[in-house]
Each structure stands twice: as structure tokens, then as C-alpha cells.
Amino acid sequence: MNKTKELMQVLGLARRANQLILGSGPTLKAIQGQTARLVFFPKDGGASQHKKFSDKSQFYQIPFVDDLTRDEISQSIGLNRSIVAISDAGFAKKIKQLLEEKERN
């Protein structure tokens, strides 16, 4: 199984475990409140929004992931959302591991 599919599966599990923060407004608040452990932004998203979320994530030292497209994020969580954050440390750790493995291959 490729790493993108595994990443999407973990994202779906986080959704079913109710450990996702969905949408741009709630995600931004979670970043500022430091309750977000990892932020997903679509690689086909807008440039100004990308800068806004990546700058906020960097300032608050929250990992920022832009490896998935808007369709892949929506498909994995079963909702039409493109900006999501993981609020659970365990799911965030697993996703970070998958991203590191993906970069090595």
C-alpha cells in the first residue's frame, strides 16, 4: 500500500474518532489556541490562504502538511472540507511517521 493511501486512512480514522477540527475558522482558532497538533492544507489550495495557515502554523510551531489535494482530504474524511487539523497527539505522531517514510522513499 502506498503512503498516500495510508495517510488518508489515518486521517479517516481520526475523523471517526472525533479528533479532527474541520474548516478554516475552527482550524485557525485551534492553531492560535495551540490545541491543534498538525494542520492539513490542500496542495491545490489558494496561495493567500496557504501563506496565512503556514505562517500561523510556523509561528505556533505546529506541523503543517500540504501533501494531499482537496479531493484526497475530502475523500478521506467523508466530508467536503479542505482545511483540517488533528487534535490528538497519537494520530499526529502516526501521520508524521508516514510523512517521514514517504520522504525517504
PDB file of N, CA and C in Angstrom:
ATOM      1  N   MET A   1       0.844  -1.179   0.000  1.00  0.00           N
ATOM      2  CA  MET A   1       0.000   0.000   0.000  1.00  0.00           C
ATOM      3  C   MET A   1       0.891   1.244   0.000  1.00  0.00           C
ATOM      4  N   ASN A   2       0.537   2.221  -0.813  1.00  0.00           N
ATOM      5  CA  ASN A   2       1.382   3.413  -0.856  1.00  0.00           C
ATOM      6  C   ASN A   2       1.099   4.330   0.345  1.00  0.00           C
ATOM      7  N   LYS A   3       2.028   5.225   0.597  1.00  0.00           N
ATOM      8  CA  LYS A   3       1.977   6.071   1.797  1.00  0.00           C
ATOM      9  C   LYS A   3       0.836   7.084   1.750  1.00  0.00           C
ATOM     10  N   THR A   4       0.461   7.533   0.563  1.00  0.00           N
ATOM     11  CA  THR A   4      -0.654   8.475   0.460  1.00  0.00           C
ATOM     12  C   THR A   4      -1.949   7.821   0.912  1.00  0.00           C
ATOM     13  N   LYS A   5      -2.175   6.582   0.502  1.00  0.00           N
ATOM     14  CA  LYS A   5      -3.374   5.849   0.924  1.00  0.00           C
ATOM     15  C   LYS A   5      -3.373   5.628   2.430  1.00  0.00           C
ATOM     16  N   GLU A   6      -2.214   5.275   2.993  1.00  0.00           N
ATOM     17  CA  GLU A   6      -2.113   5.084   4.440  1.00  0.00           C
ATOM     18  C   GLU A   6      -2.404   6.388   5.178  1.00  0.00           C
ATOM     19  N   LEU A   7      -1.877   7.482   4.650  1.00  0.00           N
ATOM     20  CA  LEU A   7      -2.107   8.794   5.242  1.00  0.00           C
ATOM     21  C   LEU A   7      -3.596   9.127   5.234  1.00  0.00           C
ATOM     22  N   MET A   8      -4.258   8.846   4.126  1.00  0.00           N
ATOM     23  CA  MET A   8      -5.690   9.094   4.017  1.00  0.00           C
ATOM     24  C   MET A   8      -6.484   8.214   4.983  1.00  0.00           C
ATOM     25  N   GLN A   9      -6.034   6.973   5.178  1.00  0.00           N
ATOM     26  CA  GLN A   9      -6.721   6.074   6.110  1.00  0.00           C
ATOM     27  C   GLN A   9      -6.602   6.561   7.549  1.00  0.00           C
ATOM     28  N   VAL A  10      -5.427   7.019   7.929  1.00  0.00           N
ATOM     29  CA  VAL A  10      -5.232   7.539   9.288  1.00  0.00           C
ATOM     30  C   VAL A  10      -6.073   8.802   9.491  1.00  0.00           C
ATOM     31  N   LEU A  11      -6.157   9.630   8.471  1.00  0.00           N
ATOM     32  CA  LEU A  11      -6.987  10.826   8.544  1.00  0.00           C
ATOM     33  C   LEU A  11      -8.464  10.447   8.721  1.00  0.00           C
ATOM     34  N   GLY A  12      -8.892   9.413   8.020  1.00  0.00           N
ATOM     35  CA  GLY A  12     -10.263   8.919   8.174  1.00  0.00           C
ATOM     36  C   GLY A  12     -10.520   8.346   9.556  1.00  0.00           C
ATOM     37  N   LEU A  13      -9.536   7.642  10.098  1.00  0.00           N
ATOM     38  CA  LEU A  13      -9.671   7.120  11.463  1.00  0.00           C
ATOM     39  C   LEU A  13      -9.784   8.254  12.476  1.00  0.00           C
ATOM     40  N   ALA A  14      -9.001   9.294  12.278  1.00  0.00           N
ATOM     41  CA  ALA A  14      -9.067  10.452  13.176  1.00  0.00           C
ATOM     42  C   ALA A  14     -10.447  11.095  13.107  1.00  0.00           C
ATOM     43  N   ARG A  15     -11.027  11.134  11.929  1.00  0.00           N
ATOM     44  CA  ARG A  15     -12.382  11.684  11.765  1.00  0.00           C
ATOM     45  C   ARG A  15     -13.398  10.846  12.522  1.00  0.00           C
ATOM     46  N   ARG A  16     -13.308   9.526  12.378  1.00  0.00           N
ATOM     47  CA  ARG A  16     -14.253   8.644  13.062  1.00  0.00           C
ATOM     48  C   ARG A  16     -14.052   8.660  14.574  1.00  0.00           C
ATOM     49  N   ALA A  17     -12.839   8.959  15.010  1.00  0.00           N
ATOM     50  CA  ALA A  17     -12.548   9.054  16.444  1.00  0.00           C
ATOM     51  C   ALA A  17     -12.863  10.448  16.984  1.00  0.00           C
ATOM     52  N   ASN A  18     -13.403  11.309  16.122  1.00  0.00           N
ATOM     53  CA  ASN A  18     -13.771  12.674  16.504  1.00  0.00           C
ATOM     54  C   ASN A  18     -12.568  13.484  16.995  1.00  0.00           C
ATOM     55  N   GLN A  19     -11.428  13.328  16.326  1.00  0.00           N
ATOM     56  CA  GLN A  19     -10.200  14.025  16.689  1.00  0.00           C
ATOM     57  C   GLN A  19      -9.768  15.023  15.620  1.00  0.00           C
ATOM     58  N   LEU A  20     -10.706  15.440  14.768  1.00  0.00           N
ATOM     59  CA  LEU A  20     -10.412  16.419  13.722  1.00  0.00           C
ATOM     60  C   LEU A  20     -11.097  17.738  14.013  1.00  0.00           C
ATOM     61  N   ILE A  21     -10.439  18.805  13.635  1.00  0.00           N
ATOM     62  CA  ILE A  21     -11.022  20.140  13.662  1.00  0.00           C
ATOM     63  C   ILE A  21     -11.240  20.508  12.200  1.00  0.00           C
ATOM     64  N   LEU A  22     -12.485  20.764  11.820  1.00  0.00           N
ATOM     65  CA  LEU A  22     -12.853  20.910  10.415  1.00  0.00           C
ATOM     66  C   LEU A  22     -13.126  22.361  10.040  1.00  0.00           C
ATOM     67  N   GLY A  23     -12.606  22.774   8.900  1.00  0.00           N
ATOM     68  CA  GLY A  23     -12.871  24.105   8.364  1.00  0.00           C
ATOM     69  C   GLY A  23     -11.787  25.105   8.713  1.00  0.00           C
ATOM     70  N   SER A  24     -11.771  26.202   7.967  1.00  0.00           N
ATOM     71  CA  SER A  24     -10.691  27.176   8.134  1.00  0.00           C
ATOM     72  C   SER A  24     -10.802  27.973   9.427  1.00  0.00           C
ATOM     73  N   GLY A  25     -11.998  28.429   9.797  1.00  0.00           N
ATOM     74  CA  GLY A  25     -12.171  29.211  11.022  1.00  0.00           C
ATOM     75  C   GLY A  25     -11.809  28.436  12.284  1.00  0.00           C
ATOM     76  N   PRO A  26     -12.432  27.270  12.489  1.00  0.00           N
ATOM     77  CA  PRO A  26     -12.086  26.474  13.670  1.00  0.00           C
ATOM     78  C   PRO A  26     -10.620  26.021  13.683  1.00  0.00           C
ATOM     79  N   THR A  27     -10.065  25.737  12.516  1.00  0.00           N
ATOM     80  CA  THR A  27      -8.658  25.329  12.458  1.00  0.00           C
ATOM     81  C   THR A  27      -7.750  26.484  12.861  1.00  0.00           C
ATOM     82  N   LEU A  28      -8.052  27.670  12.399  1.00  0.00           N
ATOM     83  CA  LEU A  28      -7.264  28.846  12.763  1.00  0.00           C
ATOM     84  C   LEU A  28      -7.317  29.090  14.278  1.00  0.00           C
ATOM     85  N   LYS A  29      -8.509  28.954  14.867  1.00  0.00           N
ATOM     86  CA  LYS A  29      -8.654  29.114  16.319  1.00  0.00           C
ATOM     87  C   LYS A  29      -7.883  28.035  17.072  1.00  0.00           C
ATOM     88  N   ALA A  30      -7.887  26.814  16.538  1.00  0.00           N
ATOM     89  CA  ALA A  30      -7.163  25.714  17.180  1.00  0.00           C
ATOM     90  C   ALA A  30      -5.652  25.939  17.107  1.00  0.00           C
ATOM     91  N   ILE A  31      -5.186  26.506  16.015  1.00  0.00           N
ATOM     92  CA  ILE A  31      -3.756  26.823  15.891  1.00  0.00           C
ATOM     93  C   ILE A  31      -3.380  27.876  16.926  1.00  0.00           C
ATOM     94  N   GLN A  32      -4.174  28.937  16.989  1.00  0.00           N
ATOM     95  CA  GLN A  32      -3.876  30.023  17.921  1.00  0.00           C
ATOM     96  C   GLN A  32      -4.027  29.580  19.378  1.00  0.00           C
ATOM     97  N   GLY A  33      -4.972  28.687  19.638  1.00  0.00           N
ATOM     98  CA  GLY A  33      -5.162  28.162  20.984  1.00  0.00           C
ATOM     99  C   GLY A  33      -4.236  27.004  21.302  1.00  0.00           C
ATOM    100  N   GLN A  34      -3.445  26.613  20.326  1.00  0.00           N
ATOM    101  CA  GLN A  34      -2.470  25.522  20.432  1.00  0.00           C
ATOM    102  C   GLN A  34      -3.101  24.200  20.838  1.00  0.00           C
ATOM    103  N   THR A  35      -4.337  23.950  20.357  1.00  0.00           N
ATOM    104  CA  THR A  35      -4.963  22.650  20.558  1.00  0.00           C
ATOM    105  C   THR A  35      -4.785  21.761  19.333  1.00  0.00           C
ATOM    106  N   ALA A  36      -4.360  22.356  18.224  1.00  0.00           N
ATOM    107  CA  ALA A  36      -4.073  21.587  17.011  1.00  0.00           C
ATOM    108  C   ALA A  36      -2.680  20.976  17.137  1.00  0.00           C
ATOM    109  N   ARG A  37      -2.558  19.717  16.764  1.00  0.00           N
ATOM    110  CA  ARG A  37      -1.267  19.038  16.798  1.00  0.00           C
ATOM    111  C   ARG A  37      -0.619  18.969  15.425  1.00  0.00           C
ATOM    112  N   LEU A  38      -1.459  19.094  14.365  1.00  0.00           N
ATOM    113  CA  LEU A  38      -0.987  19.007  12.985  1.00  0.00           C
ATOM    114  C   LEU A  38      -2.054  19.620  12.090  1.00  0.00           C
ATOM    115  N   VAL A  39      -1.657  20.364  11.088  1.00  0.00           N
ATOM    116  CA  VAL A  39      -2.603  21.045  10.197  1.00  0.00           C
ATOM    117  C   VAL A  39      -2.446  20.514   8.777  1.00  0.00           C
ATOM    118  N   PHE A  40      -3.580  20.183   8.150  1.00  0.00           N
ATOM    119  CA  PHE A  40      -3.604  19.768   6.744  1.00  0.00           C
ATOM    120  C   PHE A  40      -4.162  20.896   5.902  1.00  0.00           C
ATOM    121  N   PHE A  41      -3.426  21.242   4.847  1.00  0.00           N
ATOM    122  CA  PHE A  41      -3.880  22.229   3.876  1.00  0.00           C
ATOM    123  C   PHE A  41      -3.719  21.604   2.494  1.00  0.00           C
ATOM    124  N   PRO A  42      -4.702  21.771   1.601  1.00  0.00           N
ATOM    125  CA  PRO A  42      -4.585  21.130   0.285  1.00  0.00           C
ATOM    126  C   PRO A  42      -3.490  21.758  -0.574  1.00  0.00           C
ATOM    127  N   LYS A  43      -2.762  20.908  -1.295  1.00  0.00           N
ATOM    128  CA  LYS A  43      -1.697  21.430  -2.146  1.00  0.00           C
ATOM    129  C   LYS A  43      -2.252  22.179  -3.350  1.00  0.00           C
ATOM    130  N   ASP A  44      -3.542  22.023  -3.626  1.00  0.00           N
ATOM    131  CA  ASP A  44      -4.171  22.775  -4.701  1.00  0.00           C
ATOM    132  C   ASP A  44      -5.033  23.919  -4.155  1.00  0.00           C
ATOM    133  N   GLY A  45      -4.758  24.332  -2.914  1.00  0.00           N
ATOM    134  CA  GLY A  45      -5.487  25.438  -2.296  1.00  0.00           C
ATOM    135  C   GLY A  45      -4.937  26.784  -2.733  1.00  0.00           C
ATOM    136  N   GLY A  46      -5.605  27.837  -2.308  1.00  0.00           N
ATOM    137  CA  GLY A  46      -5.222  29.192  -2.698  1.00  0.00           C
ATOM    138  C   GLY A  46      -3.914  29.640  -2.065  1.00  0.00           C
ATOM    139  N   ALA A  47      -3.188  30.485  -2.769  1.00  0.00           N
ATOM    140  CA  ALA A  47      -1.872  30.935  -2.316  1.00  0.00           C
ATOM    141  C   ALA A  47      -1.953  31.805  -1.065  1.00  0.00           C
ATOM    142  N   SER A  48      -2.934  32.698  -0.995  1.00  0.00           N
ATOM    143  CA  SER A  48      -3.032  33.578   0.174  1.00  0.00           C
ATOM    144  C   SER A  48      -3.418  32.795   1.421  1.00  0.00           C
ATOM    145  N   GLN A  49      -4.357  31.848   1.269  1.00  0.00           N
ATOM    146  CA  GLN A  49      -4.740  31.001   2.405  1.00  0.00           C
ATOM    147  C   GLN A  49      -3.570  30.110   2.826  1.00  0.00           C
ATOM    148  N   HIS A  50      -2.817  29.607   1.849  1.00  0.00           N
ATOM    149  CA  HIS A  50      -1.661  28.766   2.150  1.00  0.00           C
ATOM    150  C   HIS A  50      -0.662  29.542   2.995  1.00  0.00           C
ATOM    151  N   LYS A  51      -0.379  30.775   2.583  1.00  0.00           N
ATOM    152  CA  LYS A  51       0.558  31.602   3.331  1.00  0.00           C
ATOM    153  C   LYS A  51       0.040  31.883   4.745  1.00  0.00           C
ATOM    154  N   LYS A  52      -1.228  32.204   4.847  1.00  0.00           N
ATOM    155  CA  LYS A  52      -1.840  32.518   6.141  1.00  0.00           C
ATOM    156  C   LYS A  52      -1.716  31.333   7.111  1.00  0.00           C
ATOM    157  N   PHE A  53      -2.096  30.144   6.659  1.00  0.00           N
ATOM    158  CA  PHE A  53      -2.074  28.977   7.539  1.00  0.00           C
ATOM    159  C   PHE A  53      -0.655  28.480   7.797  1.00  0.00           C
ATOM    160  N   SER A  54       0.214  28.545   6.797  1.00  0.00           N
ATOM    161  CA  SER A  54       1.590  28.088   7.027  1.00  0.00           C
ATOM    162  C   SER A  54       2.323  29.037   7.968  1.00  0.00           C
ATOM    163  N   ASP A  55       2.083  30.341   7.840  1.00  0.00           N
ATOM    164  CA  ASP A  55       2.711  31.309   8.750  1.00  0.00           C
ATOM    165  C   ASP A  55       2.223  31.134  10.178  1.00  0.00           C
ATOM    166  N   LYS A  56       0.912  30.966  10.347  1.00  0.00           N
ATOM    167  CA  LYS A  56       0.360  30.752  11.698  1.00  0.00           C
ATOM    168  C   LYS A  56       0.897  29.463  12.305  1.00  0.00           C
ATOM    169  N   SER A  57       0.930  28.401  11.502  1.00  0.00           N
ATOM    170  CA  SER A  57       1.432  27.112  11.992  1.00  0.00           C
ATOM    171  C   SER A  57       2.898  27.216  12.388  1.00  0.00           C
ATOM    172  N   GLN A  58       3.668  27.901  11.576  1.00  0.00           N
ATOM    173  CA  GLN A  58       5.089  28.063  11.869  1.00  0.00           C
ATOM    174  C   GLN A  58       5.288  28.890  13.134  1.00  0.00           C
ATOM    175  N   PHE A  59       4.516  29.960  13.302  1.00  0.00           N
ATOM    176  CA  PHE A  59       4.644  30.817  14.470  1.00  0.00           C
ATOM    177  C   PHE A  59       4.340  30.050  15.762  1.00  0.00           C
ATOM    178  N   TYR A  60       3.280  29.228  15.725  1.00  0.00           N
ATOM    179  CA  TYR A  60       2.889  28.462  16.903  1.00  0.00           C
ATOM    180  C   TYR A  60       3.555  27.084  16.970  1.00  0.00           C
ATOM    181  N   GLN A  61       4.481  26.820  16.051  1.00  0.00           N
ATOM    182  CA  GLN A  61       5.263  25.583  15.994  1.00  0.00           C
ATOM    183  C   GLN A  61       4.374  24.338  15.913  1.00  0.00           C
ATOM    184  N   ILE A  62       3.429  24.388  14.989  1.00  0.00           N
ATOM    185  CA  ILE A  62       2.538  23.258  14.730  1.00  0.00           C
ATOM    186  C   ILE A  62       2.870  22.746  13.334  1.00  0.00           C
ATOM    187  N   PRO A  63       3.117  21.452  13.180  1.00  0.00           N
ATOM    188  CA  PRO A  63       3.454  20.908  11.855  1.00  0.00           C
ATOM    189  C   PRO A  63       2.361  21.213  10.822  1.00  0.00           C
ATOM    190  N   PHE A  64       2.805  21.559   9.637  1.00  0.00           N
ATOM    191  CA  PHE A  64       1.923  21.955   8.536  1.00  0.00           C
ATOM    192  C   PHE A  64       2.142  20.994   7.376  1.00  0.00           C
ATOM    193  N   VAL A  65       1.078  20.353   6.922  1.00  0.00           N
ATOM    194  CA  VAL A  65       1.171  19.347   5.859  1.00  0.00           C
ATOM    195  C   VAL A  65       0.371  19.816   4.652  1.00  0.00           C
ATOM    196  N   ASP A  66       1.034  19.847   3.501  1.00  0.00           N
ATOM    197  CA  ASP A  66       0.323  20.183   2.266  1.00  0.00           C
ATOM    198  C   ASP A  66       0.638  19.158   1.176  1.00  0.00           C
ATOM    199  N   ASP A  67       0.582  17.893   1.548  1.00  0.00           N
ATOM    200  CA  ASP A  67       0.886  16.799   0.621  1.00  0.00           C
ATOM    201  C   ASP A  67      -0.343  16.256  -0.107  1.00  0.00           C
ATOM    202  N   LEU A  68      -1.536  16.501   0.415  1.00  0.00           N
ATOM    203  CA  LEU A  68      -2.748  15.946  -0.178  1.00  0.00           C
ATOM    204  C   LEU A  68      -3.515  17.022  -0.931  1.00  0.00           C
ATOM    205  N   THR A  69      -4.279  16.599  -1.931  1.00  0.00           N
ATOM    206  CA  THR A  69      -5.133  17.536  -2.660  1.00  0.00           C
ATOM    207  C   THR A  69      -6.442  17.721  -1.894  1.00  0.00           C
ATOM    208  N   ARG A  70      -7.209  18.694  -2.343  1.00  0.00           N
ATOM    209  CA  ARG A  70      -8.518  18.961  -1.727  1.00  0.00           C
ATOM    210  C   ARG A  70      -9.415  17.733  -1.828  1.00  0.00           C
ATOM    211  N   ASP A  71      -9.406  17.059  -2.978  1.00  0.00           N
ATOM    212  CA  ASP A  71     -10.235  15.869  -3.168  1.00  0.00           C
ATOM    213  C   ASP A  71      -9.793  14.728  -2.254  1.00  0.00           C
ATOM    214  N   GLU A  72      -8.493  14.543  -2.096  1.00  0.00           N
ATOM    215  CA  GLU A  72      -7.993  13.471  -1.226  1.00  0.00           C
ATOM    216  C   GLU A  72      -8.370  13.715   0.230  1.00  0.00           C
ATOM    217  N   ILE A  73      -8.276  14.956   0.676  1.00  0.00           N
ATOM    218  CA  ILE A  73      -8.669  15.268   2.059  1.00  0.00           C
ATOM    219  C   ILE A  73     -10.162  15.013   2.242  1.00  0.00           C
ATOM    220  N   SER A  74     -10.974  15.521   1.322  1.00  0.00           N
ATOM    221  CA  SER A  74     -12.425  15.333   1.406  1.00  0.00           C
ATOM    222  C   SER A  74     -12.808  13.861   1.371  1.00  0.00           C
ATOM    223  N   GLN A  75     -12.164  13.108   0.497  1.00  0.00           N
ATOM    224  CA  GLN A  75     -12.458  11.685   0.364  1.00  0.00           C
ATOM    225  C   GLN A  75     -12.087  10.931   1.637  1.00  0.00           C
ATOM    226  N   SER A  76     -10.962  11.262   2.239  1.00  0.00           N
ATOM    227  CA  SER A  76     -10.509  10.517   3.411  1.00  0.00           C
ATOM    228  C   SER A  76     -11.357  10.783   4.648  1.00  0.00           C
ATOM    229  N   ILE A  77     -11.902  11.994   4.785  1.00  0.00           N
ATOM    230  CA  ILE A  77     -12.714  12.289   5.970  1.00  0.00           C
ATOM    231  C   ILE A  77     -14.207  12.139   5.712  1.00  0.00           C
ATOM    232  N   GLY A  78     -14.597  11.985   4.459  1.00  0.00           N
ATOM    233  CA  GLY A  78     -16.003  11.784   4.132  1.00  0.00           C
ATOM    234  C   GLY A  78     -16.837  13.052   4.169  1.00  0.00           C
ATOM    235  N   LEU A  79     -16.192  14.201   4.194  1.00  0.00           N
ATOM    236  CA  LEU A  79     -16.875  15.493   4.185  1.00  0.00           C
ATOM    237  C   LEU A  79     -16.194  16.407   3.180  1.00  0.00           C
ATOM    238  N   ASN A  80     -16.920  17.404   2.705  1.00  0.00           N
ATOM    239  CA  ASN A  80     -16.349  18.335   1.741  1.00  0.00           C
ATOM    240  C   ASN A  80     -15.633  19.466   2.476  1.00  0.00           C
ATOM    241  N   ARG A  81     -14.496  19.169   3.047  1.00  0.00           N
ATOM    242  CA  ARG A  81     -13.665  20.150   3.739  1.00  0.00           C
ATOM    243  C   ARG A  81     -12.251  20.033   3.178  1.00  0.00           C
ATOM    244  N   SER A  82     -11.535  21.152   3.174  1.00  0.00           N
ATOM    245  CA  SER A  82     -10.178  21.085   2.647  1.00  0.00           C
ATOM    246  C   SER A  82      -9.129  21.426   3.700  1.00  0.00           C
ATOM    247  N   ILE A  83      -9.503  22.207   4.712  1.00  0.00           N
ATOM    248  CA  ILE A  83      -8.558  22.565   5.769  1.00  0.00           C
ATOM    249  C   ILE A  83      -8.997  21.869   7.046  1.00  0.00           C
ATOM    250  N   VAL A  84      -8.127  21.012   7.567  1.00  0.00           N
ATOM    251  CA  VAL A  84      -8.436  20.287   8.798  1.00  0.00           C
ATOM    252  C   VAL A  84      -7.202  20.266   9.693  1.00  0.00           C
ATOM    253  N   ALA A  85      -7.457  20.060  10.965  1.00  0.00           N
ATOM    254  CA  ALA A  85      -6.370  19.928  11.928  1.00  0.00           C
ATOM    255  C   ALA A  85      -6.616  18.688  12.762  1.00  0.00           C
ATOM    256  N   ILE A  86      -5.540  18.050  13.183  1.00  0.00           N
ATOM    257  CA  ILE A  86      -5.600  16.890  14.064  1.00  0.00           C
ATOM    258  C   ILE A  86      -5.443  17.409  15.495  1.00  0.00           C
ATOM    259  N   SER A  87      -6.337  16.987  16.380  1.00  0.00           N
ATOM    260  CA  SER A  87      -6.255  17.460  17.768  1.00  0.00           C
ATOM    261  C   SER A  87      -5.665  16.412  18.712  1.00  0.00           C
ATOM    262  N   ASP A  88      -5.417  15.219  18.219  1.00  0.00           N
ATOM    263  CA  ASP A  88      -4.891  14.138  19.054  1.00  0.00           C
ATOM    264  C   ASP A  88      -3.411  13.921  18.769  1.00  0.00           C
ATOM    265  N   ALA A  89      -2.614  13.817  19.820  1.00  0.00           N
ATOM    266  CA  ALA A  89      -1.165  13.648  19.667  1.00  0.00           C
ATOM    267  C   ALA A  89      -0.803  12.306  19.029  1.00  0.00           C
ATOM    268  N   GLY A  90      -1.546  11.263  19.309  1.00  0.00           N
ATOM    269  CA  GLY A  90      -1.265   9.942  18.756  1.00  0.00           C
ATOM    270  C   GLY A  90      -1.452   9.890  17.244  1.00  0.00           C
ATOM    271  N   PHE A  91      -2.563  10.441  16.775  1.00  0.00           N
ATOM    272  CA  PHE A  91      -2.803  10.493  15.329  1.00  0.00           C
ATOM    273  C   PHE A  91      -1.760  11.375  14.649  1.00  0.00           C
ATOM    274  N   ALA A  92      -1.420  12.495  15.276  1.00  0.00           N
ATOM    275  CA  ALA A  92      -0.414  13.395  14.701  1.00  0.00           C
ATOM    276  C   ALA A  92       0.936  12.696  14.590  1.00  0.00           C
ATOM    277  N   LYS A  93       1.294  11.923  15.600  1.00  0.00           N
ATOM    278  CA  LYS A  93       2.572  11.195  15.593  1.00  0.00           C
ATOM    279  C   LYS A  93       2.598  10.171  14.460  1.00  0.00           C
ATOM    280  N   LYS A  94       1.516   9.436  14.280  1.00  0.00           N
ATOM    281  CA  LYS A  94       1.437   8.429  13.222  1.00  0.00           C
ATOM    282  C   LYS A  94       1.532   9.086  11.836  1.00  0.00           C
ATOM    283  N   ILE A  95       0.869  10.206  11.664  1.00  0.00           N
ATOM    284  CA  ILE A  95       0.917  10.908  10.382  1.00  0.00           C
ATOM    285  C   ILE A  95       2.324  11.430  10.108  1.00  0.00           C
ATOM    286  N   LYS A  96       2.988  11.946  11.123  1.00  0.00           N
ATOM    287  CA  LYS A  96       4.368  12.407  10.960  1.00  0.00           C
ATOM    288  C   LYS A  96       5.274  11.252  10.543  1.00  0.00           C
ATOM    289  N   GLN A  97       5.080  10.072  11.141  1.00  0.00           N
ATOM    290  CA  GLN A  97       5.875   8.896  10.764  1.00  0.00           C
ATOM    291  C   GLN A  97       5.644   8.538   9.303  1.00  0.00           C
ATOM    292  N   LEU A  98       4.391   8.542   8.875  1.00  0.00           N
ATOM    293  CA  LEU A  98       4.071   8.212   7.482  1.00  0.00           C
ATOM    294  C   LEU A  98       4.681   9.227   6.521  1.00  0.00           C
ATOM    295  N   LEU A  99       4.669  10.493   6.891  1.00  0.00           N
ATOM    296  CA  LEU A  99       5.256  11.528   6.040  1.00  0.00           C
ATOM    297  C   LEU A  99       6.771  11.369   5.937  1.00  0.00           C
ATOM    298  N   GLU A 100       7.413  11.011   7.040  1.00  0.00           N
ATOM    299  CA  GLU A 100       8.870  10.778   7.009  1.00  0.00           C
ATOM    300  C   GLU A 100       9.213   9.587   6.138  1.00  0.00           C
ATOM    301  N   GLU A 101       8.423   8.508   6.238  1.00  0.00           N
ATOM    302  CA  GLU A 101       8.650   7.324   5.398  1.00  0.00           C
ATOM    303  C   GLU A 101       8.426   7.672   3.925  1.00  0.00           C
ATOM    304  N   LYS A 102       7.421   8.491   3.659  1.00  0.00           N
ATOM    305  CA  LYS A 102       7.125   8.893   2.282  1.00  0.00           C
ATOM    306  C   LYS A 102       8.275   9.699   1.691  1.00  0.00           C
ATOM    307  N   GLU A 103       8.881  10.570   2.497  1.00  0.00           N
ATOM    308  CA  GLU A 103      10.004  11.384   2.027  1.00  0.00           C
ATOM    309  C   GLU A 103      11.241  10.534   1.753  1.00  0.00           C
ATOM    310  N   ARG A 104      11.436   9.503   2.558  1.00  0.00           N
ATOM    311  CA  ARG A 104      12.609   8.640   2.369  1.00  0.00           C
ATOM    312  C   ARG A 104      12.515   7.815   1.096  1.00  0.00           C
ATOM    313  N   ASN A 105      11.298   7.466   0.693  1.00  0.00           N
ATOM    314  CA  ASN A 105      11.126   6.612  -0.500  1.00  0.00           C
ATOM    315  C   ASN A 105      11.038   7.392  -1.757  1.00  0.00           C
TER     316      ASN A 105
END
